[in-house]
C-alpha cells in the first residue's frame, strides 16, 4: 500500500514523509506534529477534524465554577479531555462524542496542541500578537514568541478565511485549565493565548474544534 493511502487511513507515512499541512489525513486534515517530551522529536501527528462535523461555535468549558482534576497538562489533550467527558464540561463532551471518518478517538486539544494548529493553519493575514507563543512541544520546537508576520496566513487554501475548513477569527477553547474559573484560549486571528477572565472564563460559550493523534 502506498504512503498516500496509508496517510489517508491515519497510519504510518511512506518514504516521502508526512503530507502537506491541510491535506486529508486520518479522518480529517494534517495539522502538524508534536513532541510530547518537548525534545523536538515528533511522536505524534495531529489531525484536525473537519469543520462541518468536528467544530462547534458555542460550547462552555464548564457549566459551573470550580477546578477540574486532571486537566492541567499543556500537551496531554487526550487525558485532559477524557477527564471532562460529562455534561458539566460541554466543549470536551462534544469532542469526546464524535465519530468522524471511522475514528472515535477525537478529543479537545491541550494548549500546546491547539497552538500548533494556529501556527500551521492560521486563517487570517492579521499581524500576530508578539507576546505569544513559545511552544517546546511543537515540531520543530519554538523557543521564542511570534513576530508580527510569523506565522503567516496558512498556505492551505481550504483553511484560509472564508473557505470551507477555516478556523473562525475568534477564541477557541483548549482543554488546559488555568484556574478554578479560567481555562486557556487561543485566538485564531492574532494568535494570542489568554487566561484573562473576560476571555477564558469557563462559563463563556466559545468555539471548540476536535483533534486526534496518530503515532509517528
C-alpha atoms as a PDB file:
ATOM      1  CA  UNK A   1       0.000   0.000   0.000  1.00  0.00           C
ATOM      2  CA  UNK A   2       1.345   3.408  -0.925  1.00  0.00           C
ATOM      3  CA  UNK A   3       2.388   6.072   1.574  1.00  0.00           C
ATOM      4  CA  UNK A   4      -0.510   8.257   0.402  1.00  0.00           C
ATOM      5  CA  UNK A   5      -3.068   5.532   1.085  1.00  0.00           C
ATOM      6  CA  UNK A   6      -1.548   4.850   4.493  1.00  0.00           C
ATOM      7  CA  UNK A   7      -1.666   8.532   5.355  1.00  0.00           C
ATOM      8  CA  UNK A   8      -5.322   8.795   4.436  1.00  0.00           C
ATOM      9  CA  UNK A   9      -6.038   5.871   6.770  1.00  0.00           C
ATOM     10  CA  UNK A  10      -4.132   7.535   9.598  1.00  0.00           C
ATOM     11  CA  UNK A  11      -1.261   5.047   9.546  1.00  0.00           C
ATOM     12  CA  UNK A  12       2.491   5.387   9.133  1.00  0.00           C
ATOM     13  CA  UNK A  13       3.816   7.521   6.308  1.00  0.00           C
ATOM     14  CA  UNK A  14       5.609   6.224   3.292  1.00  0.00           C
ATOM     15  CA  UNK A  15       9.181   7.151   2.331  1.00  0.00           C
ATOM     16  CA  UNK A  16       8.029  10.540   1.053  1.00  0.00           C
ATOM     17  CA  UNK A  17       7.252  11.641   4.617  1.00  0.00           C
ATOM     18  CA  UNK A  18       4.160  13.356   6.012  1.00  0.00           C
ATOM     19  CA  UNK A  19       1.507  15.017   3.869  1.00  0.00           C
ATOM     20  CA  UNK A  20       1.381  18.763   3.443  1.00  0.00           C
ATOM     21  CA  UNK A  21      -0.274  20.851   6.133  1.00  0.00           C
ATOM     22  CA  UNK A  22      -4.016  20.872   5.489  1.00  0.00           C
ATOM     23  CA  UNK A  23      -4.037  17.724   3.340  1.00  0.00           C
ATOM     24  CA  UNK A  24      -6.613  14.971   4.077  1.00  0.00           C
ATOM     25  CA  UNK A  25      -5.318  12.613   6.743  1.00  0.00           C
ATOM     26  CA  UNK A  26      -6.670  10.299   9.414  1.00  0.00           C
ATOM     27  CA  UNK A  27     -10.331  11.245   9.174  1.00  0.00           C
ATOM     28  CA  UNK A  28      -9.599  14.958   8.989  1.00  0.00           C
ATOM     29  CA  UNK A  29      -6.651  17.075   7.908  1.00  0.00           C
ATOM     30  CA  UNK A  30      -2.944  17.048   8.753  1.00  0.00           C
ATOM     31  CA  UNK A  31      -2.217  19.871  11.215  1.00  0.00           C
ATOM     32  CA  UNK A  32       1.443  19.210  12.076  1.00  0.00           C
ATOM     33  CA  UNK A  33       3.465  17.225  14.560  1.00  0.00           C
ATOM     34  CA  UNK A  34       4.068  17.377  18.293  1.00  0.00           C
ATOM     35  CA  UNK A  35       6.757  16.184  20.683  1.00  0.00           C
ATOM     36  CA  UNK A  36       5.109  15.236  23.963  1.00  0.00           C
ATOM     37  CA  UNK A  37       8.540  15.095  25.611  1.00  0.00           C
ATOM     38  CA  UNK A  38       9.416  18.574  24.373  1.00  0.00           C
ATOM     39  CA  UNK A  39      12.589  17.363  22.664  1.00  0.00           C
ATOM     40  CA  UNK A  40      11.744  18.500  19.145  1.00  0.00           C
ATOM     41  CA  UNK A  41      11.433  14.859  18.061  1.00  0.00           C
ATOM     42  CA  UNK A  42       7.931  14.094  16.794  1.00  0.00           C
ATOM     43  CA  UNK A  43       5.997  11.273  18.403  1.00  0.00           C
ATOM     44  CA  UNK A  44       2.501  12.201  17.178  1.00  0.00           C
ATOM     45  CA  UNK A  45       0.859  13.653  14.100  1.00  0.00           C
ATOM     46  CA  UNK A  46      -2.055  15.974  14.839  1.00  0.00           C
ATOM     47  CA  UNK A  47      -5.275  15.601  12.877  1.00  0.00           C
ATOM     48  CA  UNK A  48      -7.790  18.455  12.863  1.00  0.00           C
ATOM     49  CA  UNK A  49     -11.425  17.464  12.471  1.00  0.00           C
ATOM     50  CA  UNK A  50     -13.497  18.633   9.507  1.00  0.00           C
ATOM     51  CA  UNK A  51     -15.209  21.910  10.318  1.00  0.00           C
ATOM     52  CA  UNK A  52     -18.683  20.711   9.349  1.00  0.00           C
ATOM     53  CA  UNK A  53     -18.711  17.817  11.812  1.00  0.00           C
ATOM     54  CA  UNK A  54     -15.900  18.470  14.286  1.00  0.00           C
ATOM     55  CA  UNK A  55     -16.405  22.103  15.279  1.00  0.00           C
ATOM     56  CA  UNK A  56     -18.995  23.782  17.474  1.00  0.00           C
ATOM     57  CA  UNK A  57     -19.163  27.563  17.808  1.00  0.00           C
ATOM     58  CA  UNK A  58     -20.942  27.782  21.166  1.00  0.00           C
ATOM     59  CA  UNK A  59     -19.838  25.483  23.975  1.00  0.00           C
ATOM     60  CA  UNK A  60     -18.949  26.234  27.596  1.00  0.00           C
ATOM     61  CA  UNK A  61     -15.738  24.836  29.030  1.00  0.00           C
ATOM     62  CA  UNK A  62     -17.610  24.158  32.287  1.00  0.00           C
ATOM     63  CA  UNK A  63     -21.124  24.912  33.438  1.00  0.00           C
ATOM     64  CA  UNK A  64     -20.080  25.906  36.963  1.00  0.00           C
ATOM     65  CA  UNK A  65     -17.070  27.484  38.673  1.00  0.00           C
ATOM     66  CA  UNK A  66     -14.563  25.101  40.183  1.00  0.00           C
ATOM     67  CA  UNK A  67     -11.367  23.240  39.420  1.00  0.00           C
ATOM     68  CA  UNK A  68     -11.489  20.066  37.342  1.00  0.00           C
ATOM     69  CA  UNK A  69      -8.933  17.436  38.317  1.00  0.00           C
ATOM     70  CA  UNK A  70      -6.629  16.108  35.620  1.00  0.00           C
ATOM     71  CA  UNK A  71      -6.905  18.997  33.174  1.00  0.00           C
ATOM     72  CA  UNK A  72      -3.676  20.921  33.812  1.00  0.00           C
ATOM     73  CA  UNK A  73      -1.480  19.442  31.066  1.00  0.00           C
ATOM     74  CA  UNK A  74      -0.378  21.773  28.262  1.00  0.00           C
ATOM     75  CA  UNK A  75       0.245  18.832  25.896  1.00  0.00           C
ATOM     76  CA  UNK A  76      -1.781  15.785  27.017  1.00  0.00           C
ATOM     77  CA  UNK A  77      -5.082  16.674  25.415  1.00  0.00           C
ATOM     78  CA  UNK A  78      -6.416  13.092  25.456  1.00  0.00           C
ATOM     79  CA  UNK A  79      -6.154  12.922  29.257  1.00  0.00           C
ATOM     80  CA  UNK A  80      -7.444  16.438  29.860  1.00  0.00           C
ATOM     81  CA  UNK A  81     -10.401  15.816  27.579  1.00  0.00           C
ATOM     82  CA  UNK A  82     -11.231  12.366  28.937  1.00  0.00           C
ATOM     83  CA  UNK A  83     -11.419  13.813  32.437  1.00  0.00           C
ATOM     84  CA  UNK A  84     -14.127  16.214  31.209  1.00  0.00           C
ATOM     85  CA  UNK A  85     -16.281  13.758  29.287  1.00  0.00           C
ATOM     86  CA  UNK A  86     -19.509  14.676  31.051  1.00  0.00           C
ATOM     87  CA  UNK A  87     -22.384  17.137  30.839  1.00  0.00           C
ATOM     88  CA  UNK A  88     -20.654  19.590  33.186  1.00  0.00           C
ATOM     89  CA  UNK A  89     -17.997  20.166  30.515  1.00  0.00           C
ATOM     90  CA  UNK A  90     -19.890  20.718  27.245  1.00  0.00           C
ATOM     91  CA  UNK A  91     -16.913  21.541  24.990  1.00  0.00           C
ATOM     92  CA  UNK A  92     -14.961  18.406  25.877  1.00  0.00           C
ATOM     93  CA  UNK A  93     -18.095  16.256  25.880  1.00  0.00           C
ATOM     94  CA  UNK A  94     -18.803  17.410  22.320  1.00  0.00           C
ATOM     95  CA  UNK A  95     -15.317  16.390  21.144  1.00  0.00           C
ATOM     96  CA  UNK A  96     -15.331  13.081  23.016  1.00  0.00           C
ATOM     97  CA  UNK A  97     -18.664  12.091  21.492  1.00  0.00           C
ATOM     98  CA  UNK A  98     -17.578  12.419  17.869  1.00  0.00           C
ATOM     99  CA  UNK A  99     -17.124   9.633  15.335  1.00  0.00           C
ATOM    100  CA  UNK A 100     -15.721  11.013  12.083  1.00  0.00           C
ATOM    101  CA  UNK A 101     -14.154   9.121   9.212  1.00  0.00           C
ATOM    102  CA  UNK A 102     -14.484   5.877  11.151  1.00  0.00           C
ATOM    103  CA  UNK A 103     -12.464   7.227  14.087  1.00  0.00           C
ATOM    104  CA  UNK A 104     -13.897   7.737  17.588  1.00  0.00           C
ATOM    105  CA  UNK A 105     -10.751   8.936  19.397  1.00  0.00           C
ATOM    106  CA  UNK A 106     -11.339  12.656  18.874  1.00  0.00           C
ATOM    107  CA  UNK A 107     -10.667  14.960  21.819  1.00  0.00           C
ATOM    108  CA  UNK A 108     -10.384  18.585  22.904  1.00  0.00           C
ATOM    109  CA  UNK A 109      -6.799  19.758  22.260  1.00  0.00           C
ATOM    110  CA  UNK A 110      -4.484  20.877  25.047  1.00  0.00           C
ATOM    111  CA  UNK A 111      -2.994  24.369  24.978  1.00  0.00           C
ATOM    112  CA  UNK A 112       0.197  23.488  23.075  1.00  0.00           C
ATOM    113  CA  UNK A 113      -1.621  21.223  20.625  1.00  0.00           C
ATOM    114  CA  UNK A 114      -4.078  23.997  19.810  1.00  0.00           C
ATOM    115  CA  UNK A 115      -1.201  26.417  19.325  1.00  0.00           C
ATOM    116  CA  UNK A 116       0.337  24.097  16.705  1.00  0.00           C
ATOM    117  CA  UNK A 117      -2.985  24.219  14.860  1.00  0.00           C
ATOM    118  CA  UNK A 118      -2.882  28.014  14.890  1.00  0.00           C
ATOM    119  CA  UNK A 119       0.754  28.205  13.823  1.00  0.00           C
ATOM    120  CA  UNK A 120       0.227  25.902  10.850  1.00  0.00           C
ATOM    121  CA  UNK A 121      -3.362  26.741   9.922  1.00  0.00           C
ATOM    122  CA  UNK A 122      -3.702  30.453  10.712  1.00  0.00           C
ATOM    123  CA  UNK A 123      -6.727  31.636   8.702  1.00  0.00           C
ATOM    124  CA  UNK A 124      -6.108  35.396   8.532  1.00  0.00           C
ATOM    125  CA  UNK A 125      -3.484  37.894   7.380  1.00  0.00           C
ATOM    126  CA  UNK A 126      -3.682  39.820  10.677  1.00  0.00           C
ATOM    127  CA  UNK A 127      -0.404  40.641  12.424  1.00  0.00           C
ATOM    128  CA  UNK A 128       0.365  38.321  15.327  1.00  0.00           C
ATOM    129  CA  UNK A 129       0.473  39.417  18.931  1.00  0.00           C
ATOM    130  CA  UNK A 130       4.138  39.117  19.855  1.00  0.00           C
ATOM    131  CA  UNK A 131       3.543  38.140  23.487  1.00  0.00           C
ATOM    132  CA  UNK A 132       2.715  34.581  22.377  1.00  0.00           C
ATOM    133  CA  UNK A 133       3.723  31.793  21.972  1.00  0.00           C
ATOM    134  CA  UNK A 134       6.760  29.747  22.912  1.00  0.00           C
ATOM    135  CA  UNK A 135       5.973  26.066  22.399  1.00  0.00           C
ATOM    136  CA  UNK A 136       8.600  23.411  23.102  1.00  0.00           C
ATOM    137  CA  UNK A 137       6.063  20.707  22.209  1.00  0.00           C
ATOM    138  CA  UNK A 138       5.864  21.958  18.623  1.00  0.00           C
ATOM    139  CA  UNK A 139       7.948  20.261  15.932  1.00  0.00           C
ATOM    140  CA  UNK A 140      10.276  21.928  15.316  1.00  0.00           C
ATOM    141  CA  UNK A 141      10.458  23.269  18.855  1.00  0.00           C
ATOM    142  CA  UNK A 142       9.877  27.012  19.164  1.00  0.00           C
ATOM    143  CA  UNK A 143      11.728  28.789  21.954  1.00  0.00           C
ATOM    144  CA  UNK A 144      10.665  32.331  21.152  1.00  0.00           C
ATOM    145  CA  UNK A 145       7.432  34.244  20.664  1.00  0.00           C
ATOM    146  CA  UNK A 146       5.753  35.099  17.378  1.00  0.00           C
ATOM    147  CA  UNK A 147       6.817  38.013  15.243  1.00  0.00           C
ATOM    148  CA  UNK A 148       4.157  40.182  13.622  1.00  0.00           C
ATOM    149  CA  UNK A 149       4.462  38.183  10.395  1.00  0.00           C
ATOM    150  CA  UNK A 150       5.330  34.702  11.660  1.00  0.00           C
ATOM    151  CA  UNK A 151       3.253  32.641  11.487  1.00  0.00           C
ATOM    152  CA  UNK A 152       1.782  33.940   8.257  1.00  0.00           C
ATOM    153  CA  UNK A 153      -1.597  33.006   6.846  1.00  0.00           C
ATOM    154  CA  UNK A 154      -1.620  29.289   6.079  1.00  0.00           C
ATOM    155  CA  UNK A 155      -0.819  28.177   2.539  1.00  0.00           C
ATOM    156  CA  UNK A 156      -3.570  25.544   2.838  1.00  0.00           C
ATOM    157  CA  UNK A 157      -6.265  27.266   0.781  1.00  0.00           C
ATOM    158  CA  UNK A 158      -9.228  25.481   2.377  1.00  0.00           C
ATOM    159  CA  UNK A 159      -8.134  26.798   5.782  1.00  0.00           C
ATOM    160  CA  UNK A 160      -7.872  30.443   4.730  1.00  0.00           C
ATOM    161  CA  UNK A 161     -10.590  32.805   5.943  1.00  0.00           C
ATOM    162  CA  UNK A 162     -13.813  32.401   4.021  1.00  0.00           C
ATOM    163  CA  UNK A 163     -13.111  28.855   2.866  1.00  0.00           C
ATOM    164  CA  UNK A 164     -14.599  25.543   3.907  1.00  0.00           C
ATOM    165  CA  UNK A 165     -12.217  24.413   6.678  1.00  0.00           C
ATOM    166  CA  UNK A 166     -11.054  27.769   8.029  1.00  0.00           C
ATOM    167  CA  UNK A 167     -10.991  28.414  11.752  1.00  0.00           C
ATOM    168  CA  UNK A 168     -13.059  31.436  12.731  1.00  0.00           C
ATOM    169  CA  UNK A 169     -11.013  34.520  13.677  1.00  0.00           C
ATOM    170  CA  UNK A 170     -12.137  34.037  17.278  1.00  0.00           C
ATOM    171  CA  UNK A 171     -11.078  32.406  20.539  1.00  0.00           C
ATOM    172  CA  UNK A 172     -11.111  28.606  20.686  1.00  0.00           C
ATOM    173  CA  UNK A 173     -11.084  26.542  23.850  1.00  0.00           C
ATOM    174  CA  UNK A 174      -8.138  24.395  24.833  1.00  0.00           C
ATOM    175  CA  UNK A 175      -8.583  21.591  27.343  1.00  0.00           C
ATOM    176  CA  UNK A 176      -5.903  23.082  29.634  1.00  0.00           C
ATOM    177  CA  UNK A 177      -7.191  24.566  32.875  1.00  0.00           C
ATOM    178  CA  UNK A 178      -5.561  27.694  34.273  1.00  0.00           C
ATOM    179  CA  UNK A 179      -7.546  28.162  37.477  1.00  0.00           C
ATOM    180  CA  UNK A 180     -10.862  27.212  39.033  1.00  0.00           C
ATOM    181  CA  UNK A 181     -12.668  29.747  36.870  1.00  0.00           C
ATOM    182  CA  UNK A 182     -10.456  30.143  33.775  1.00  0.00           C
ATOM    183  CA  UNK A 183      -9.031  27.946  31.000  1.00  0.00           C
ATOM    184  CA  UNK A 184      -6.533  28.713  28.237  1.00  0.00           C
ATOM    185  CA  UNK A 185      -7.960  30.004  24.962  1.00  0.00           C
ATOM    186  CA  UNK A 186      -6.237  30.598  21.615  1.00  0.00           C
ATOM    187  CA  UNK A 187      -7.237  33.449  19.326  1.00  0.00           C
ATOM    188  CA  UNK A 188      -7.205  32.348  15.675  1.00  0.00           C
ATOM    189  CA  UNK A 189      -6.923  35.908  14.401  1.00  0.00           C
ATOM    190  CA  UNK A 190      -3.786  37.291  16.055  1.00  0.00           C
ATOM    191  CA  UNK A 191      -2.560  34.213  17.954  1.00  0.00           C
ATOM    192  CA  UNK A 192      -2.794  35.492  21.499  1.00  0.00           C
ATOM    193  CA  UNK A 193      -3.151  32.833  24.178  1.00  0.00           C
ATOM    194  CA  UNK A 194      -5.196  34.250  27.013  1.00  0.00           C
ATOM    195  CA  UNK A 195      -6.222  33.356  30.547  1.00  0.00           C
ATOM    196  CA  UNK A 196      -7.903  36.661  31.332  1.00  0.00           C
ATOM    197  CA  UNK A 197     -11.320  36.175  32.861  1.00  0.00           C
ATOM    198  CA  UNK A 198     -13.095  38.049  30.084  1.00  0.00           C
ATOM    199  CA  UNK A 199     -11.570  35.681  27.526  1.00  0.00           C
ATOM    200  CA  UNK A 200     -11.056  32.376  29.278  1.00  0.00           C
ATOM    201  CA  UNK A 201     -13.918  32.318  31.778  1.00  0.00           C
ATOM    202  CA  UNK A 202     -15.113  28.721  31.708  1.00  0.00           C
ATOM    203  CA  UNK A 203     -18.786  29.660  31.683  1.00  0.00           C
ATOM    204  CA  UNK A 204     -18.494  31.538  28.379  1.00  0.00           C
ATOM    205  CA  UNK A 205     -19.701  29.864  25.207  1.00  0.00           C
ATOM    206  CA  UNK A 206     -16.847  29.714  22.709  1.00  0.00           C
ATOM    207  CA  UNK A 207     -15.726  27.733  19.696  1.00  0.00           C
ATOM    208  CA  UNK A 208     -14.136  24.310  20.054  1.00  0.00           C
ATOM    209  CA  UNK A 209     -12.664  22.037  17.372  1.00  0.00           C
ATOM    210  CA  UNK A 210     -11.716  18.444  17.918  1.00  0.00           C
ATOM    211  CA  UNK A 211      -8.402  16.795  17.099  1.00  0.00           C
ATOM    212  CA  UNK A 212      -6.970  13.298  17.212  1.00  0.00           C
ATOM    213  CA  UNK A 213      -3.449  11.885  17.317  1.00  0.00           C
ATOM    214  CA  UNK A 214      -1.692   9.389  15.101  1.00  0.00           C
ATOM    215  CA  UNK A 215       1.575   7.949  16.396  1.00  0.00           C
ATOM    216  CA  UNK A 216       4.619   8.657  14.236  1.00  0.00           C
END
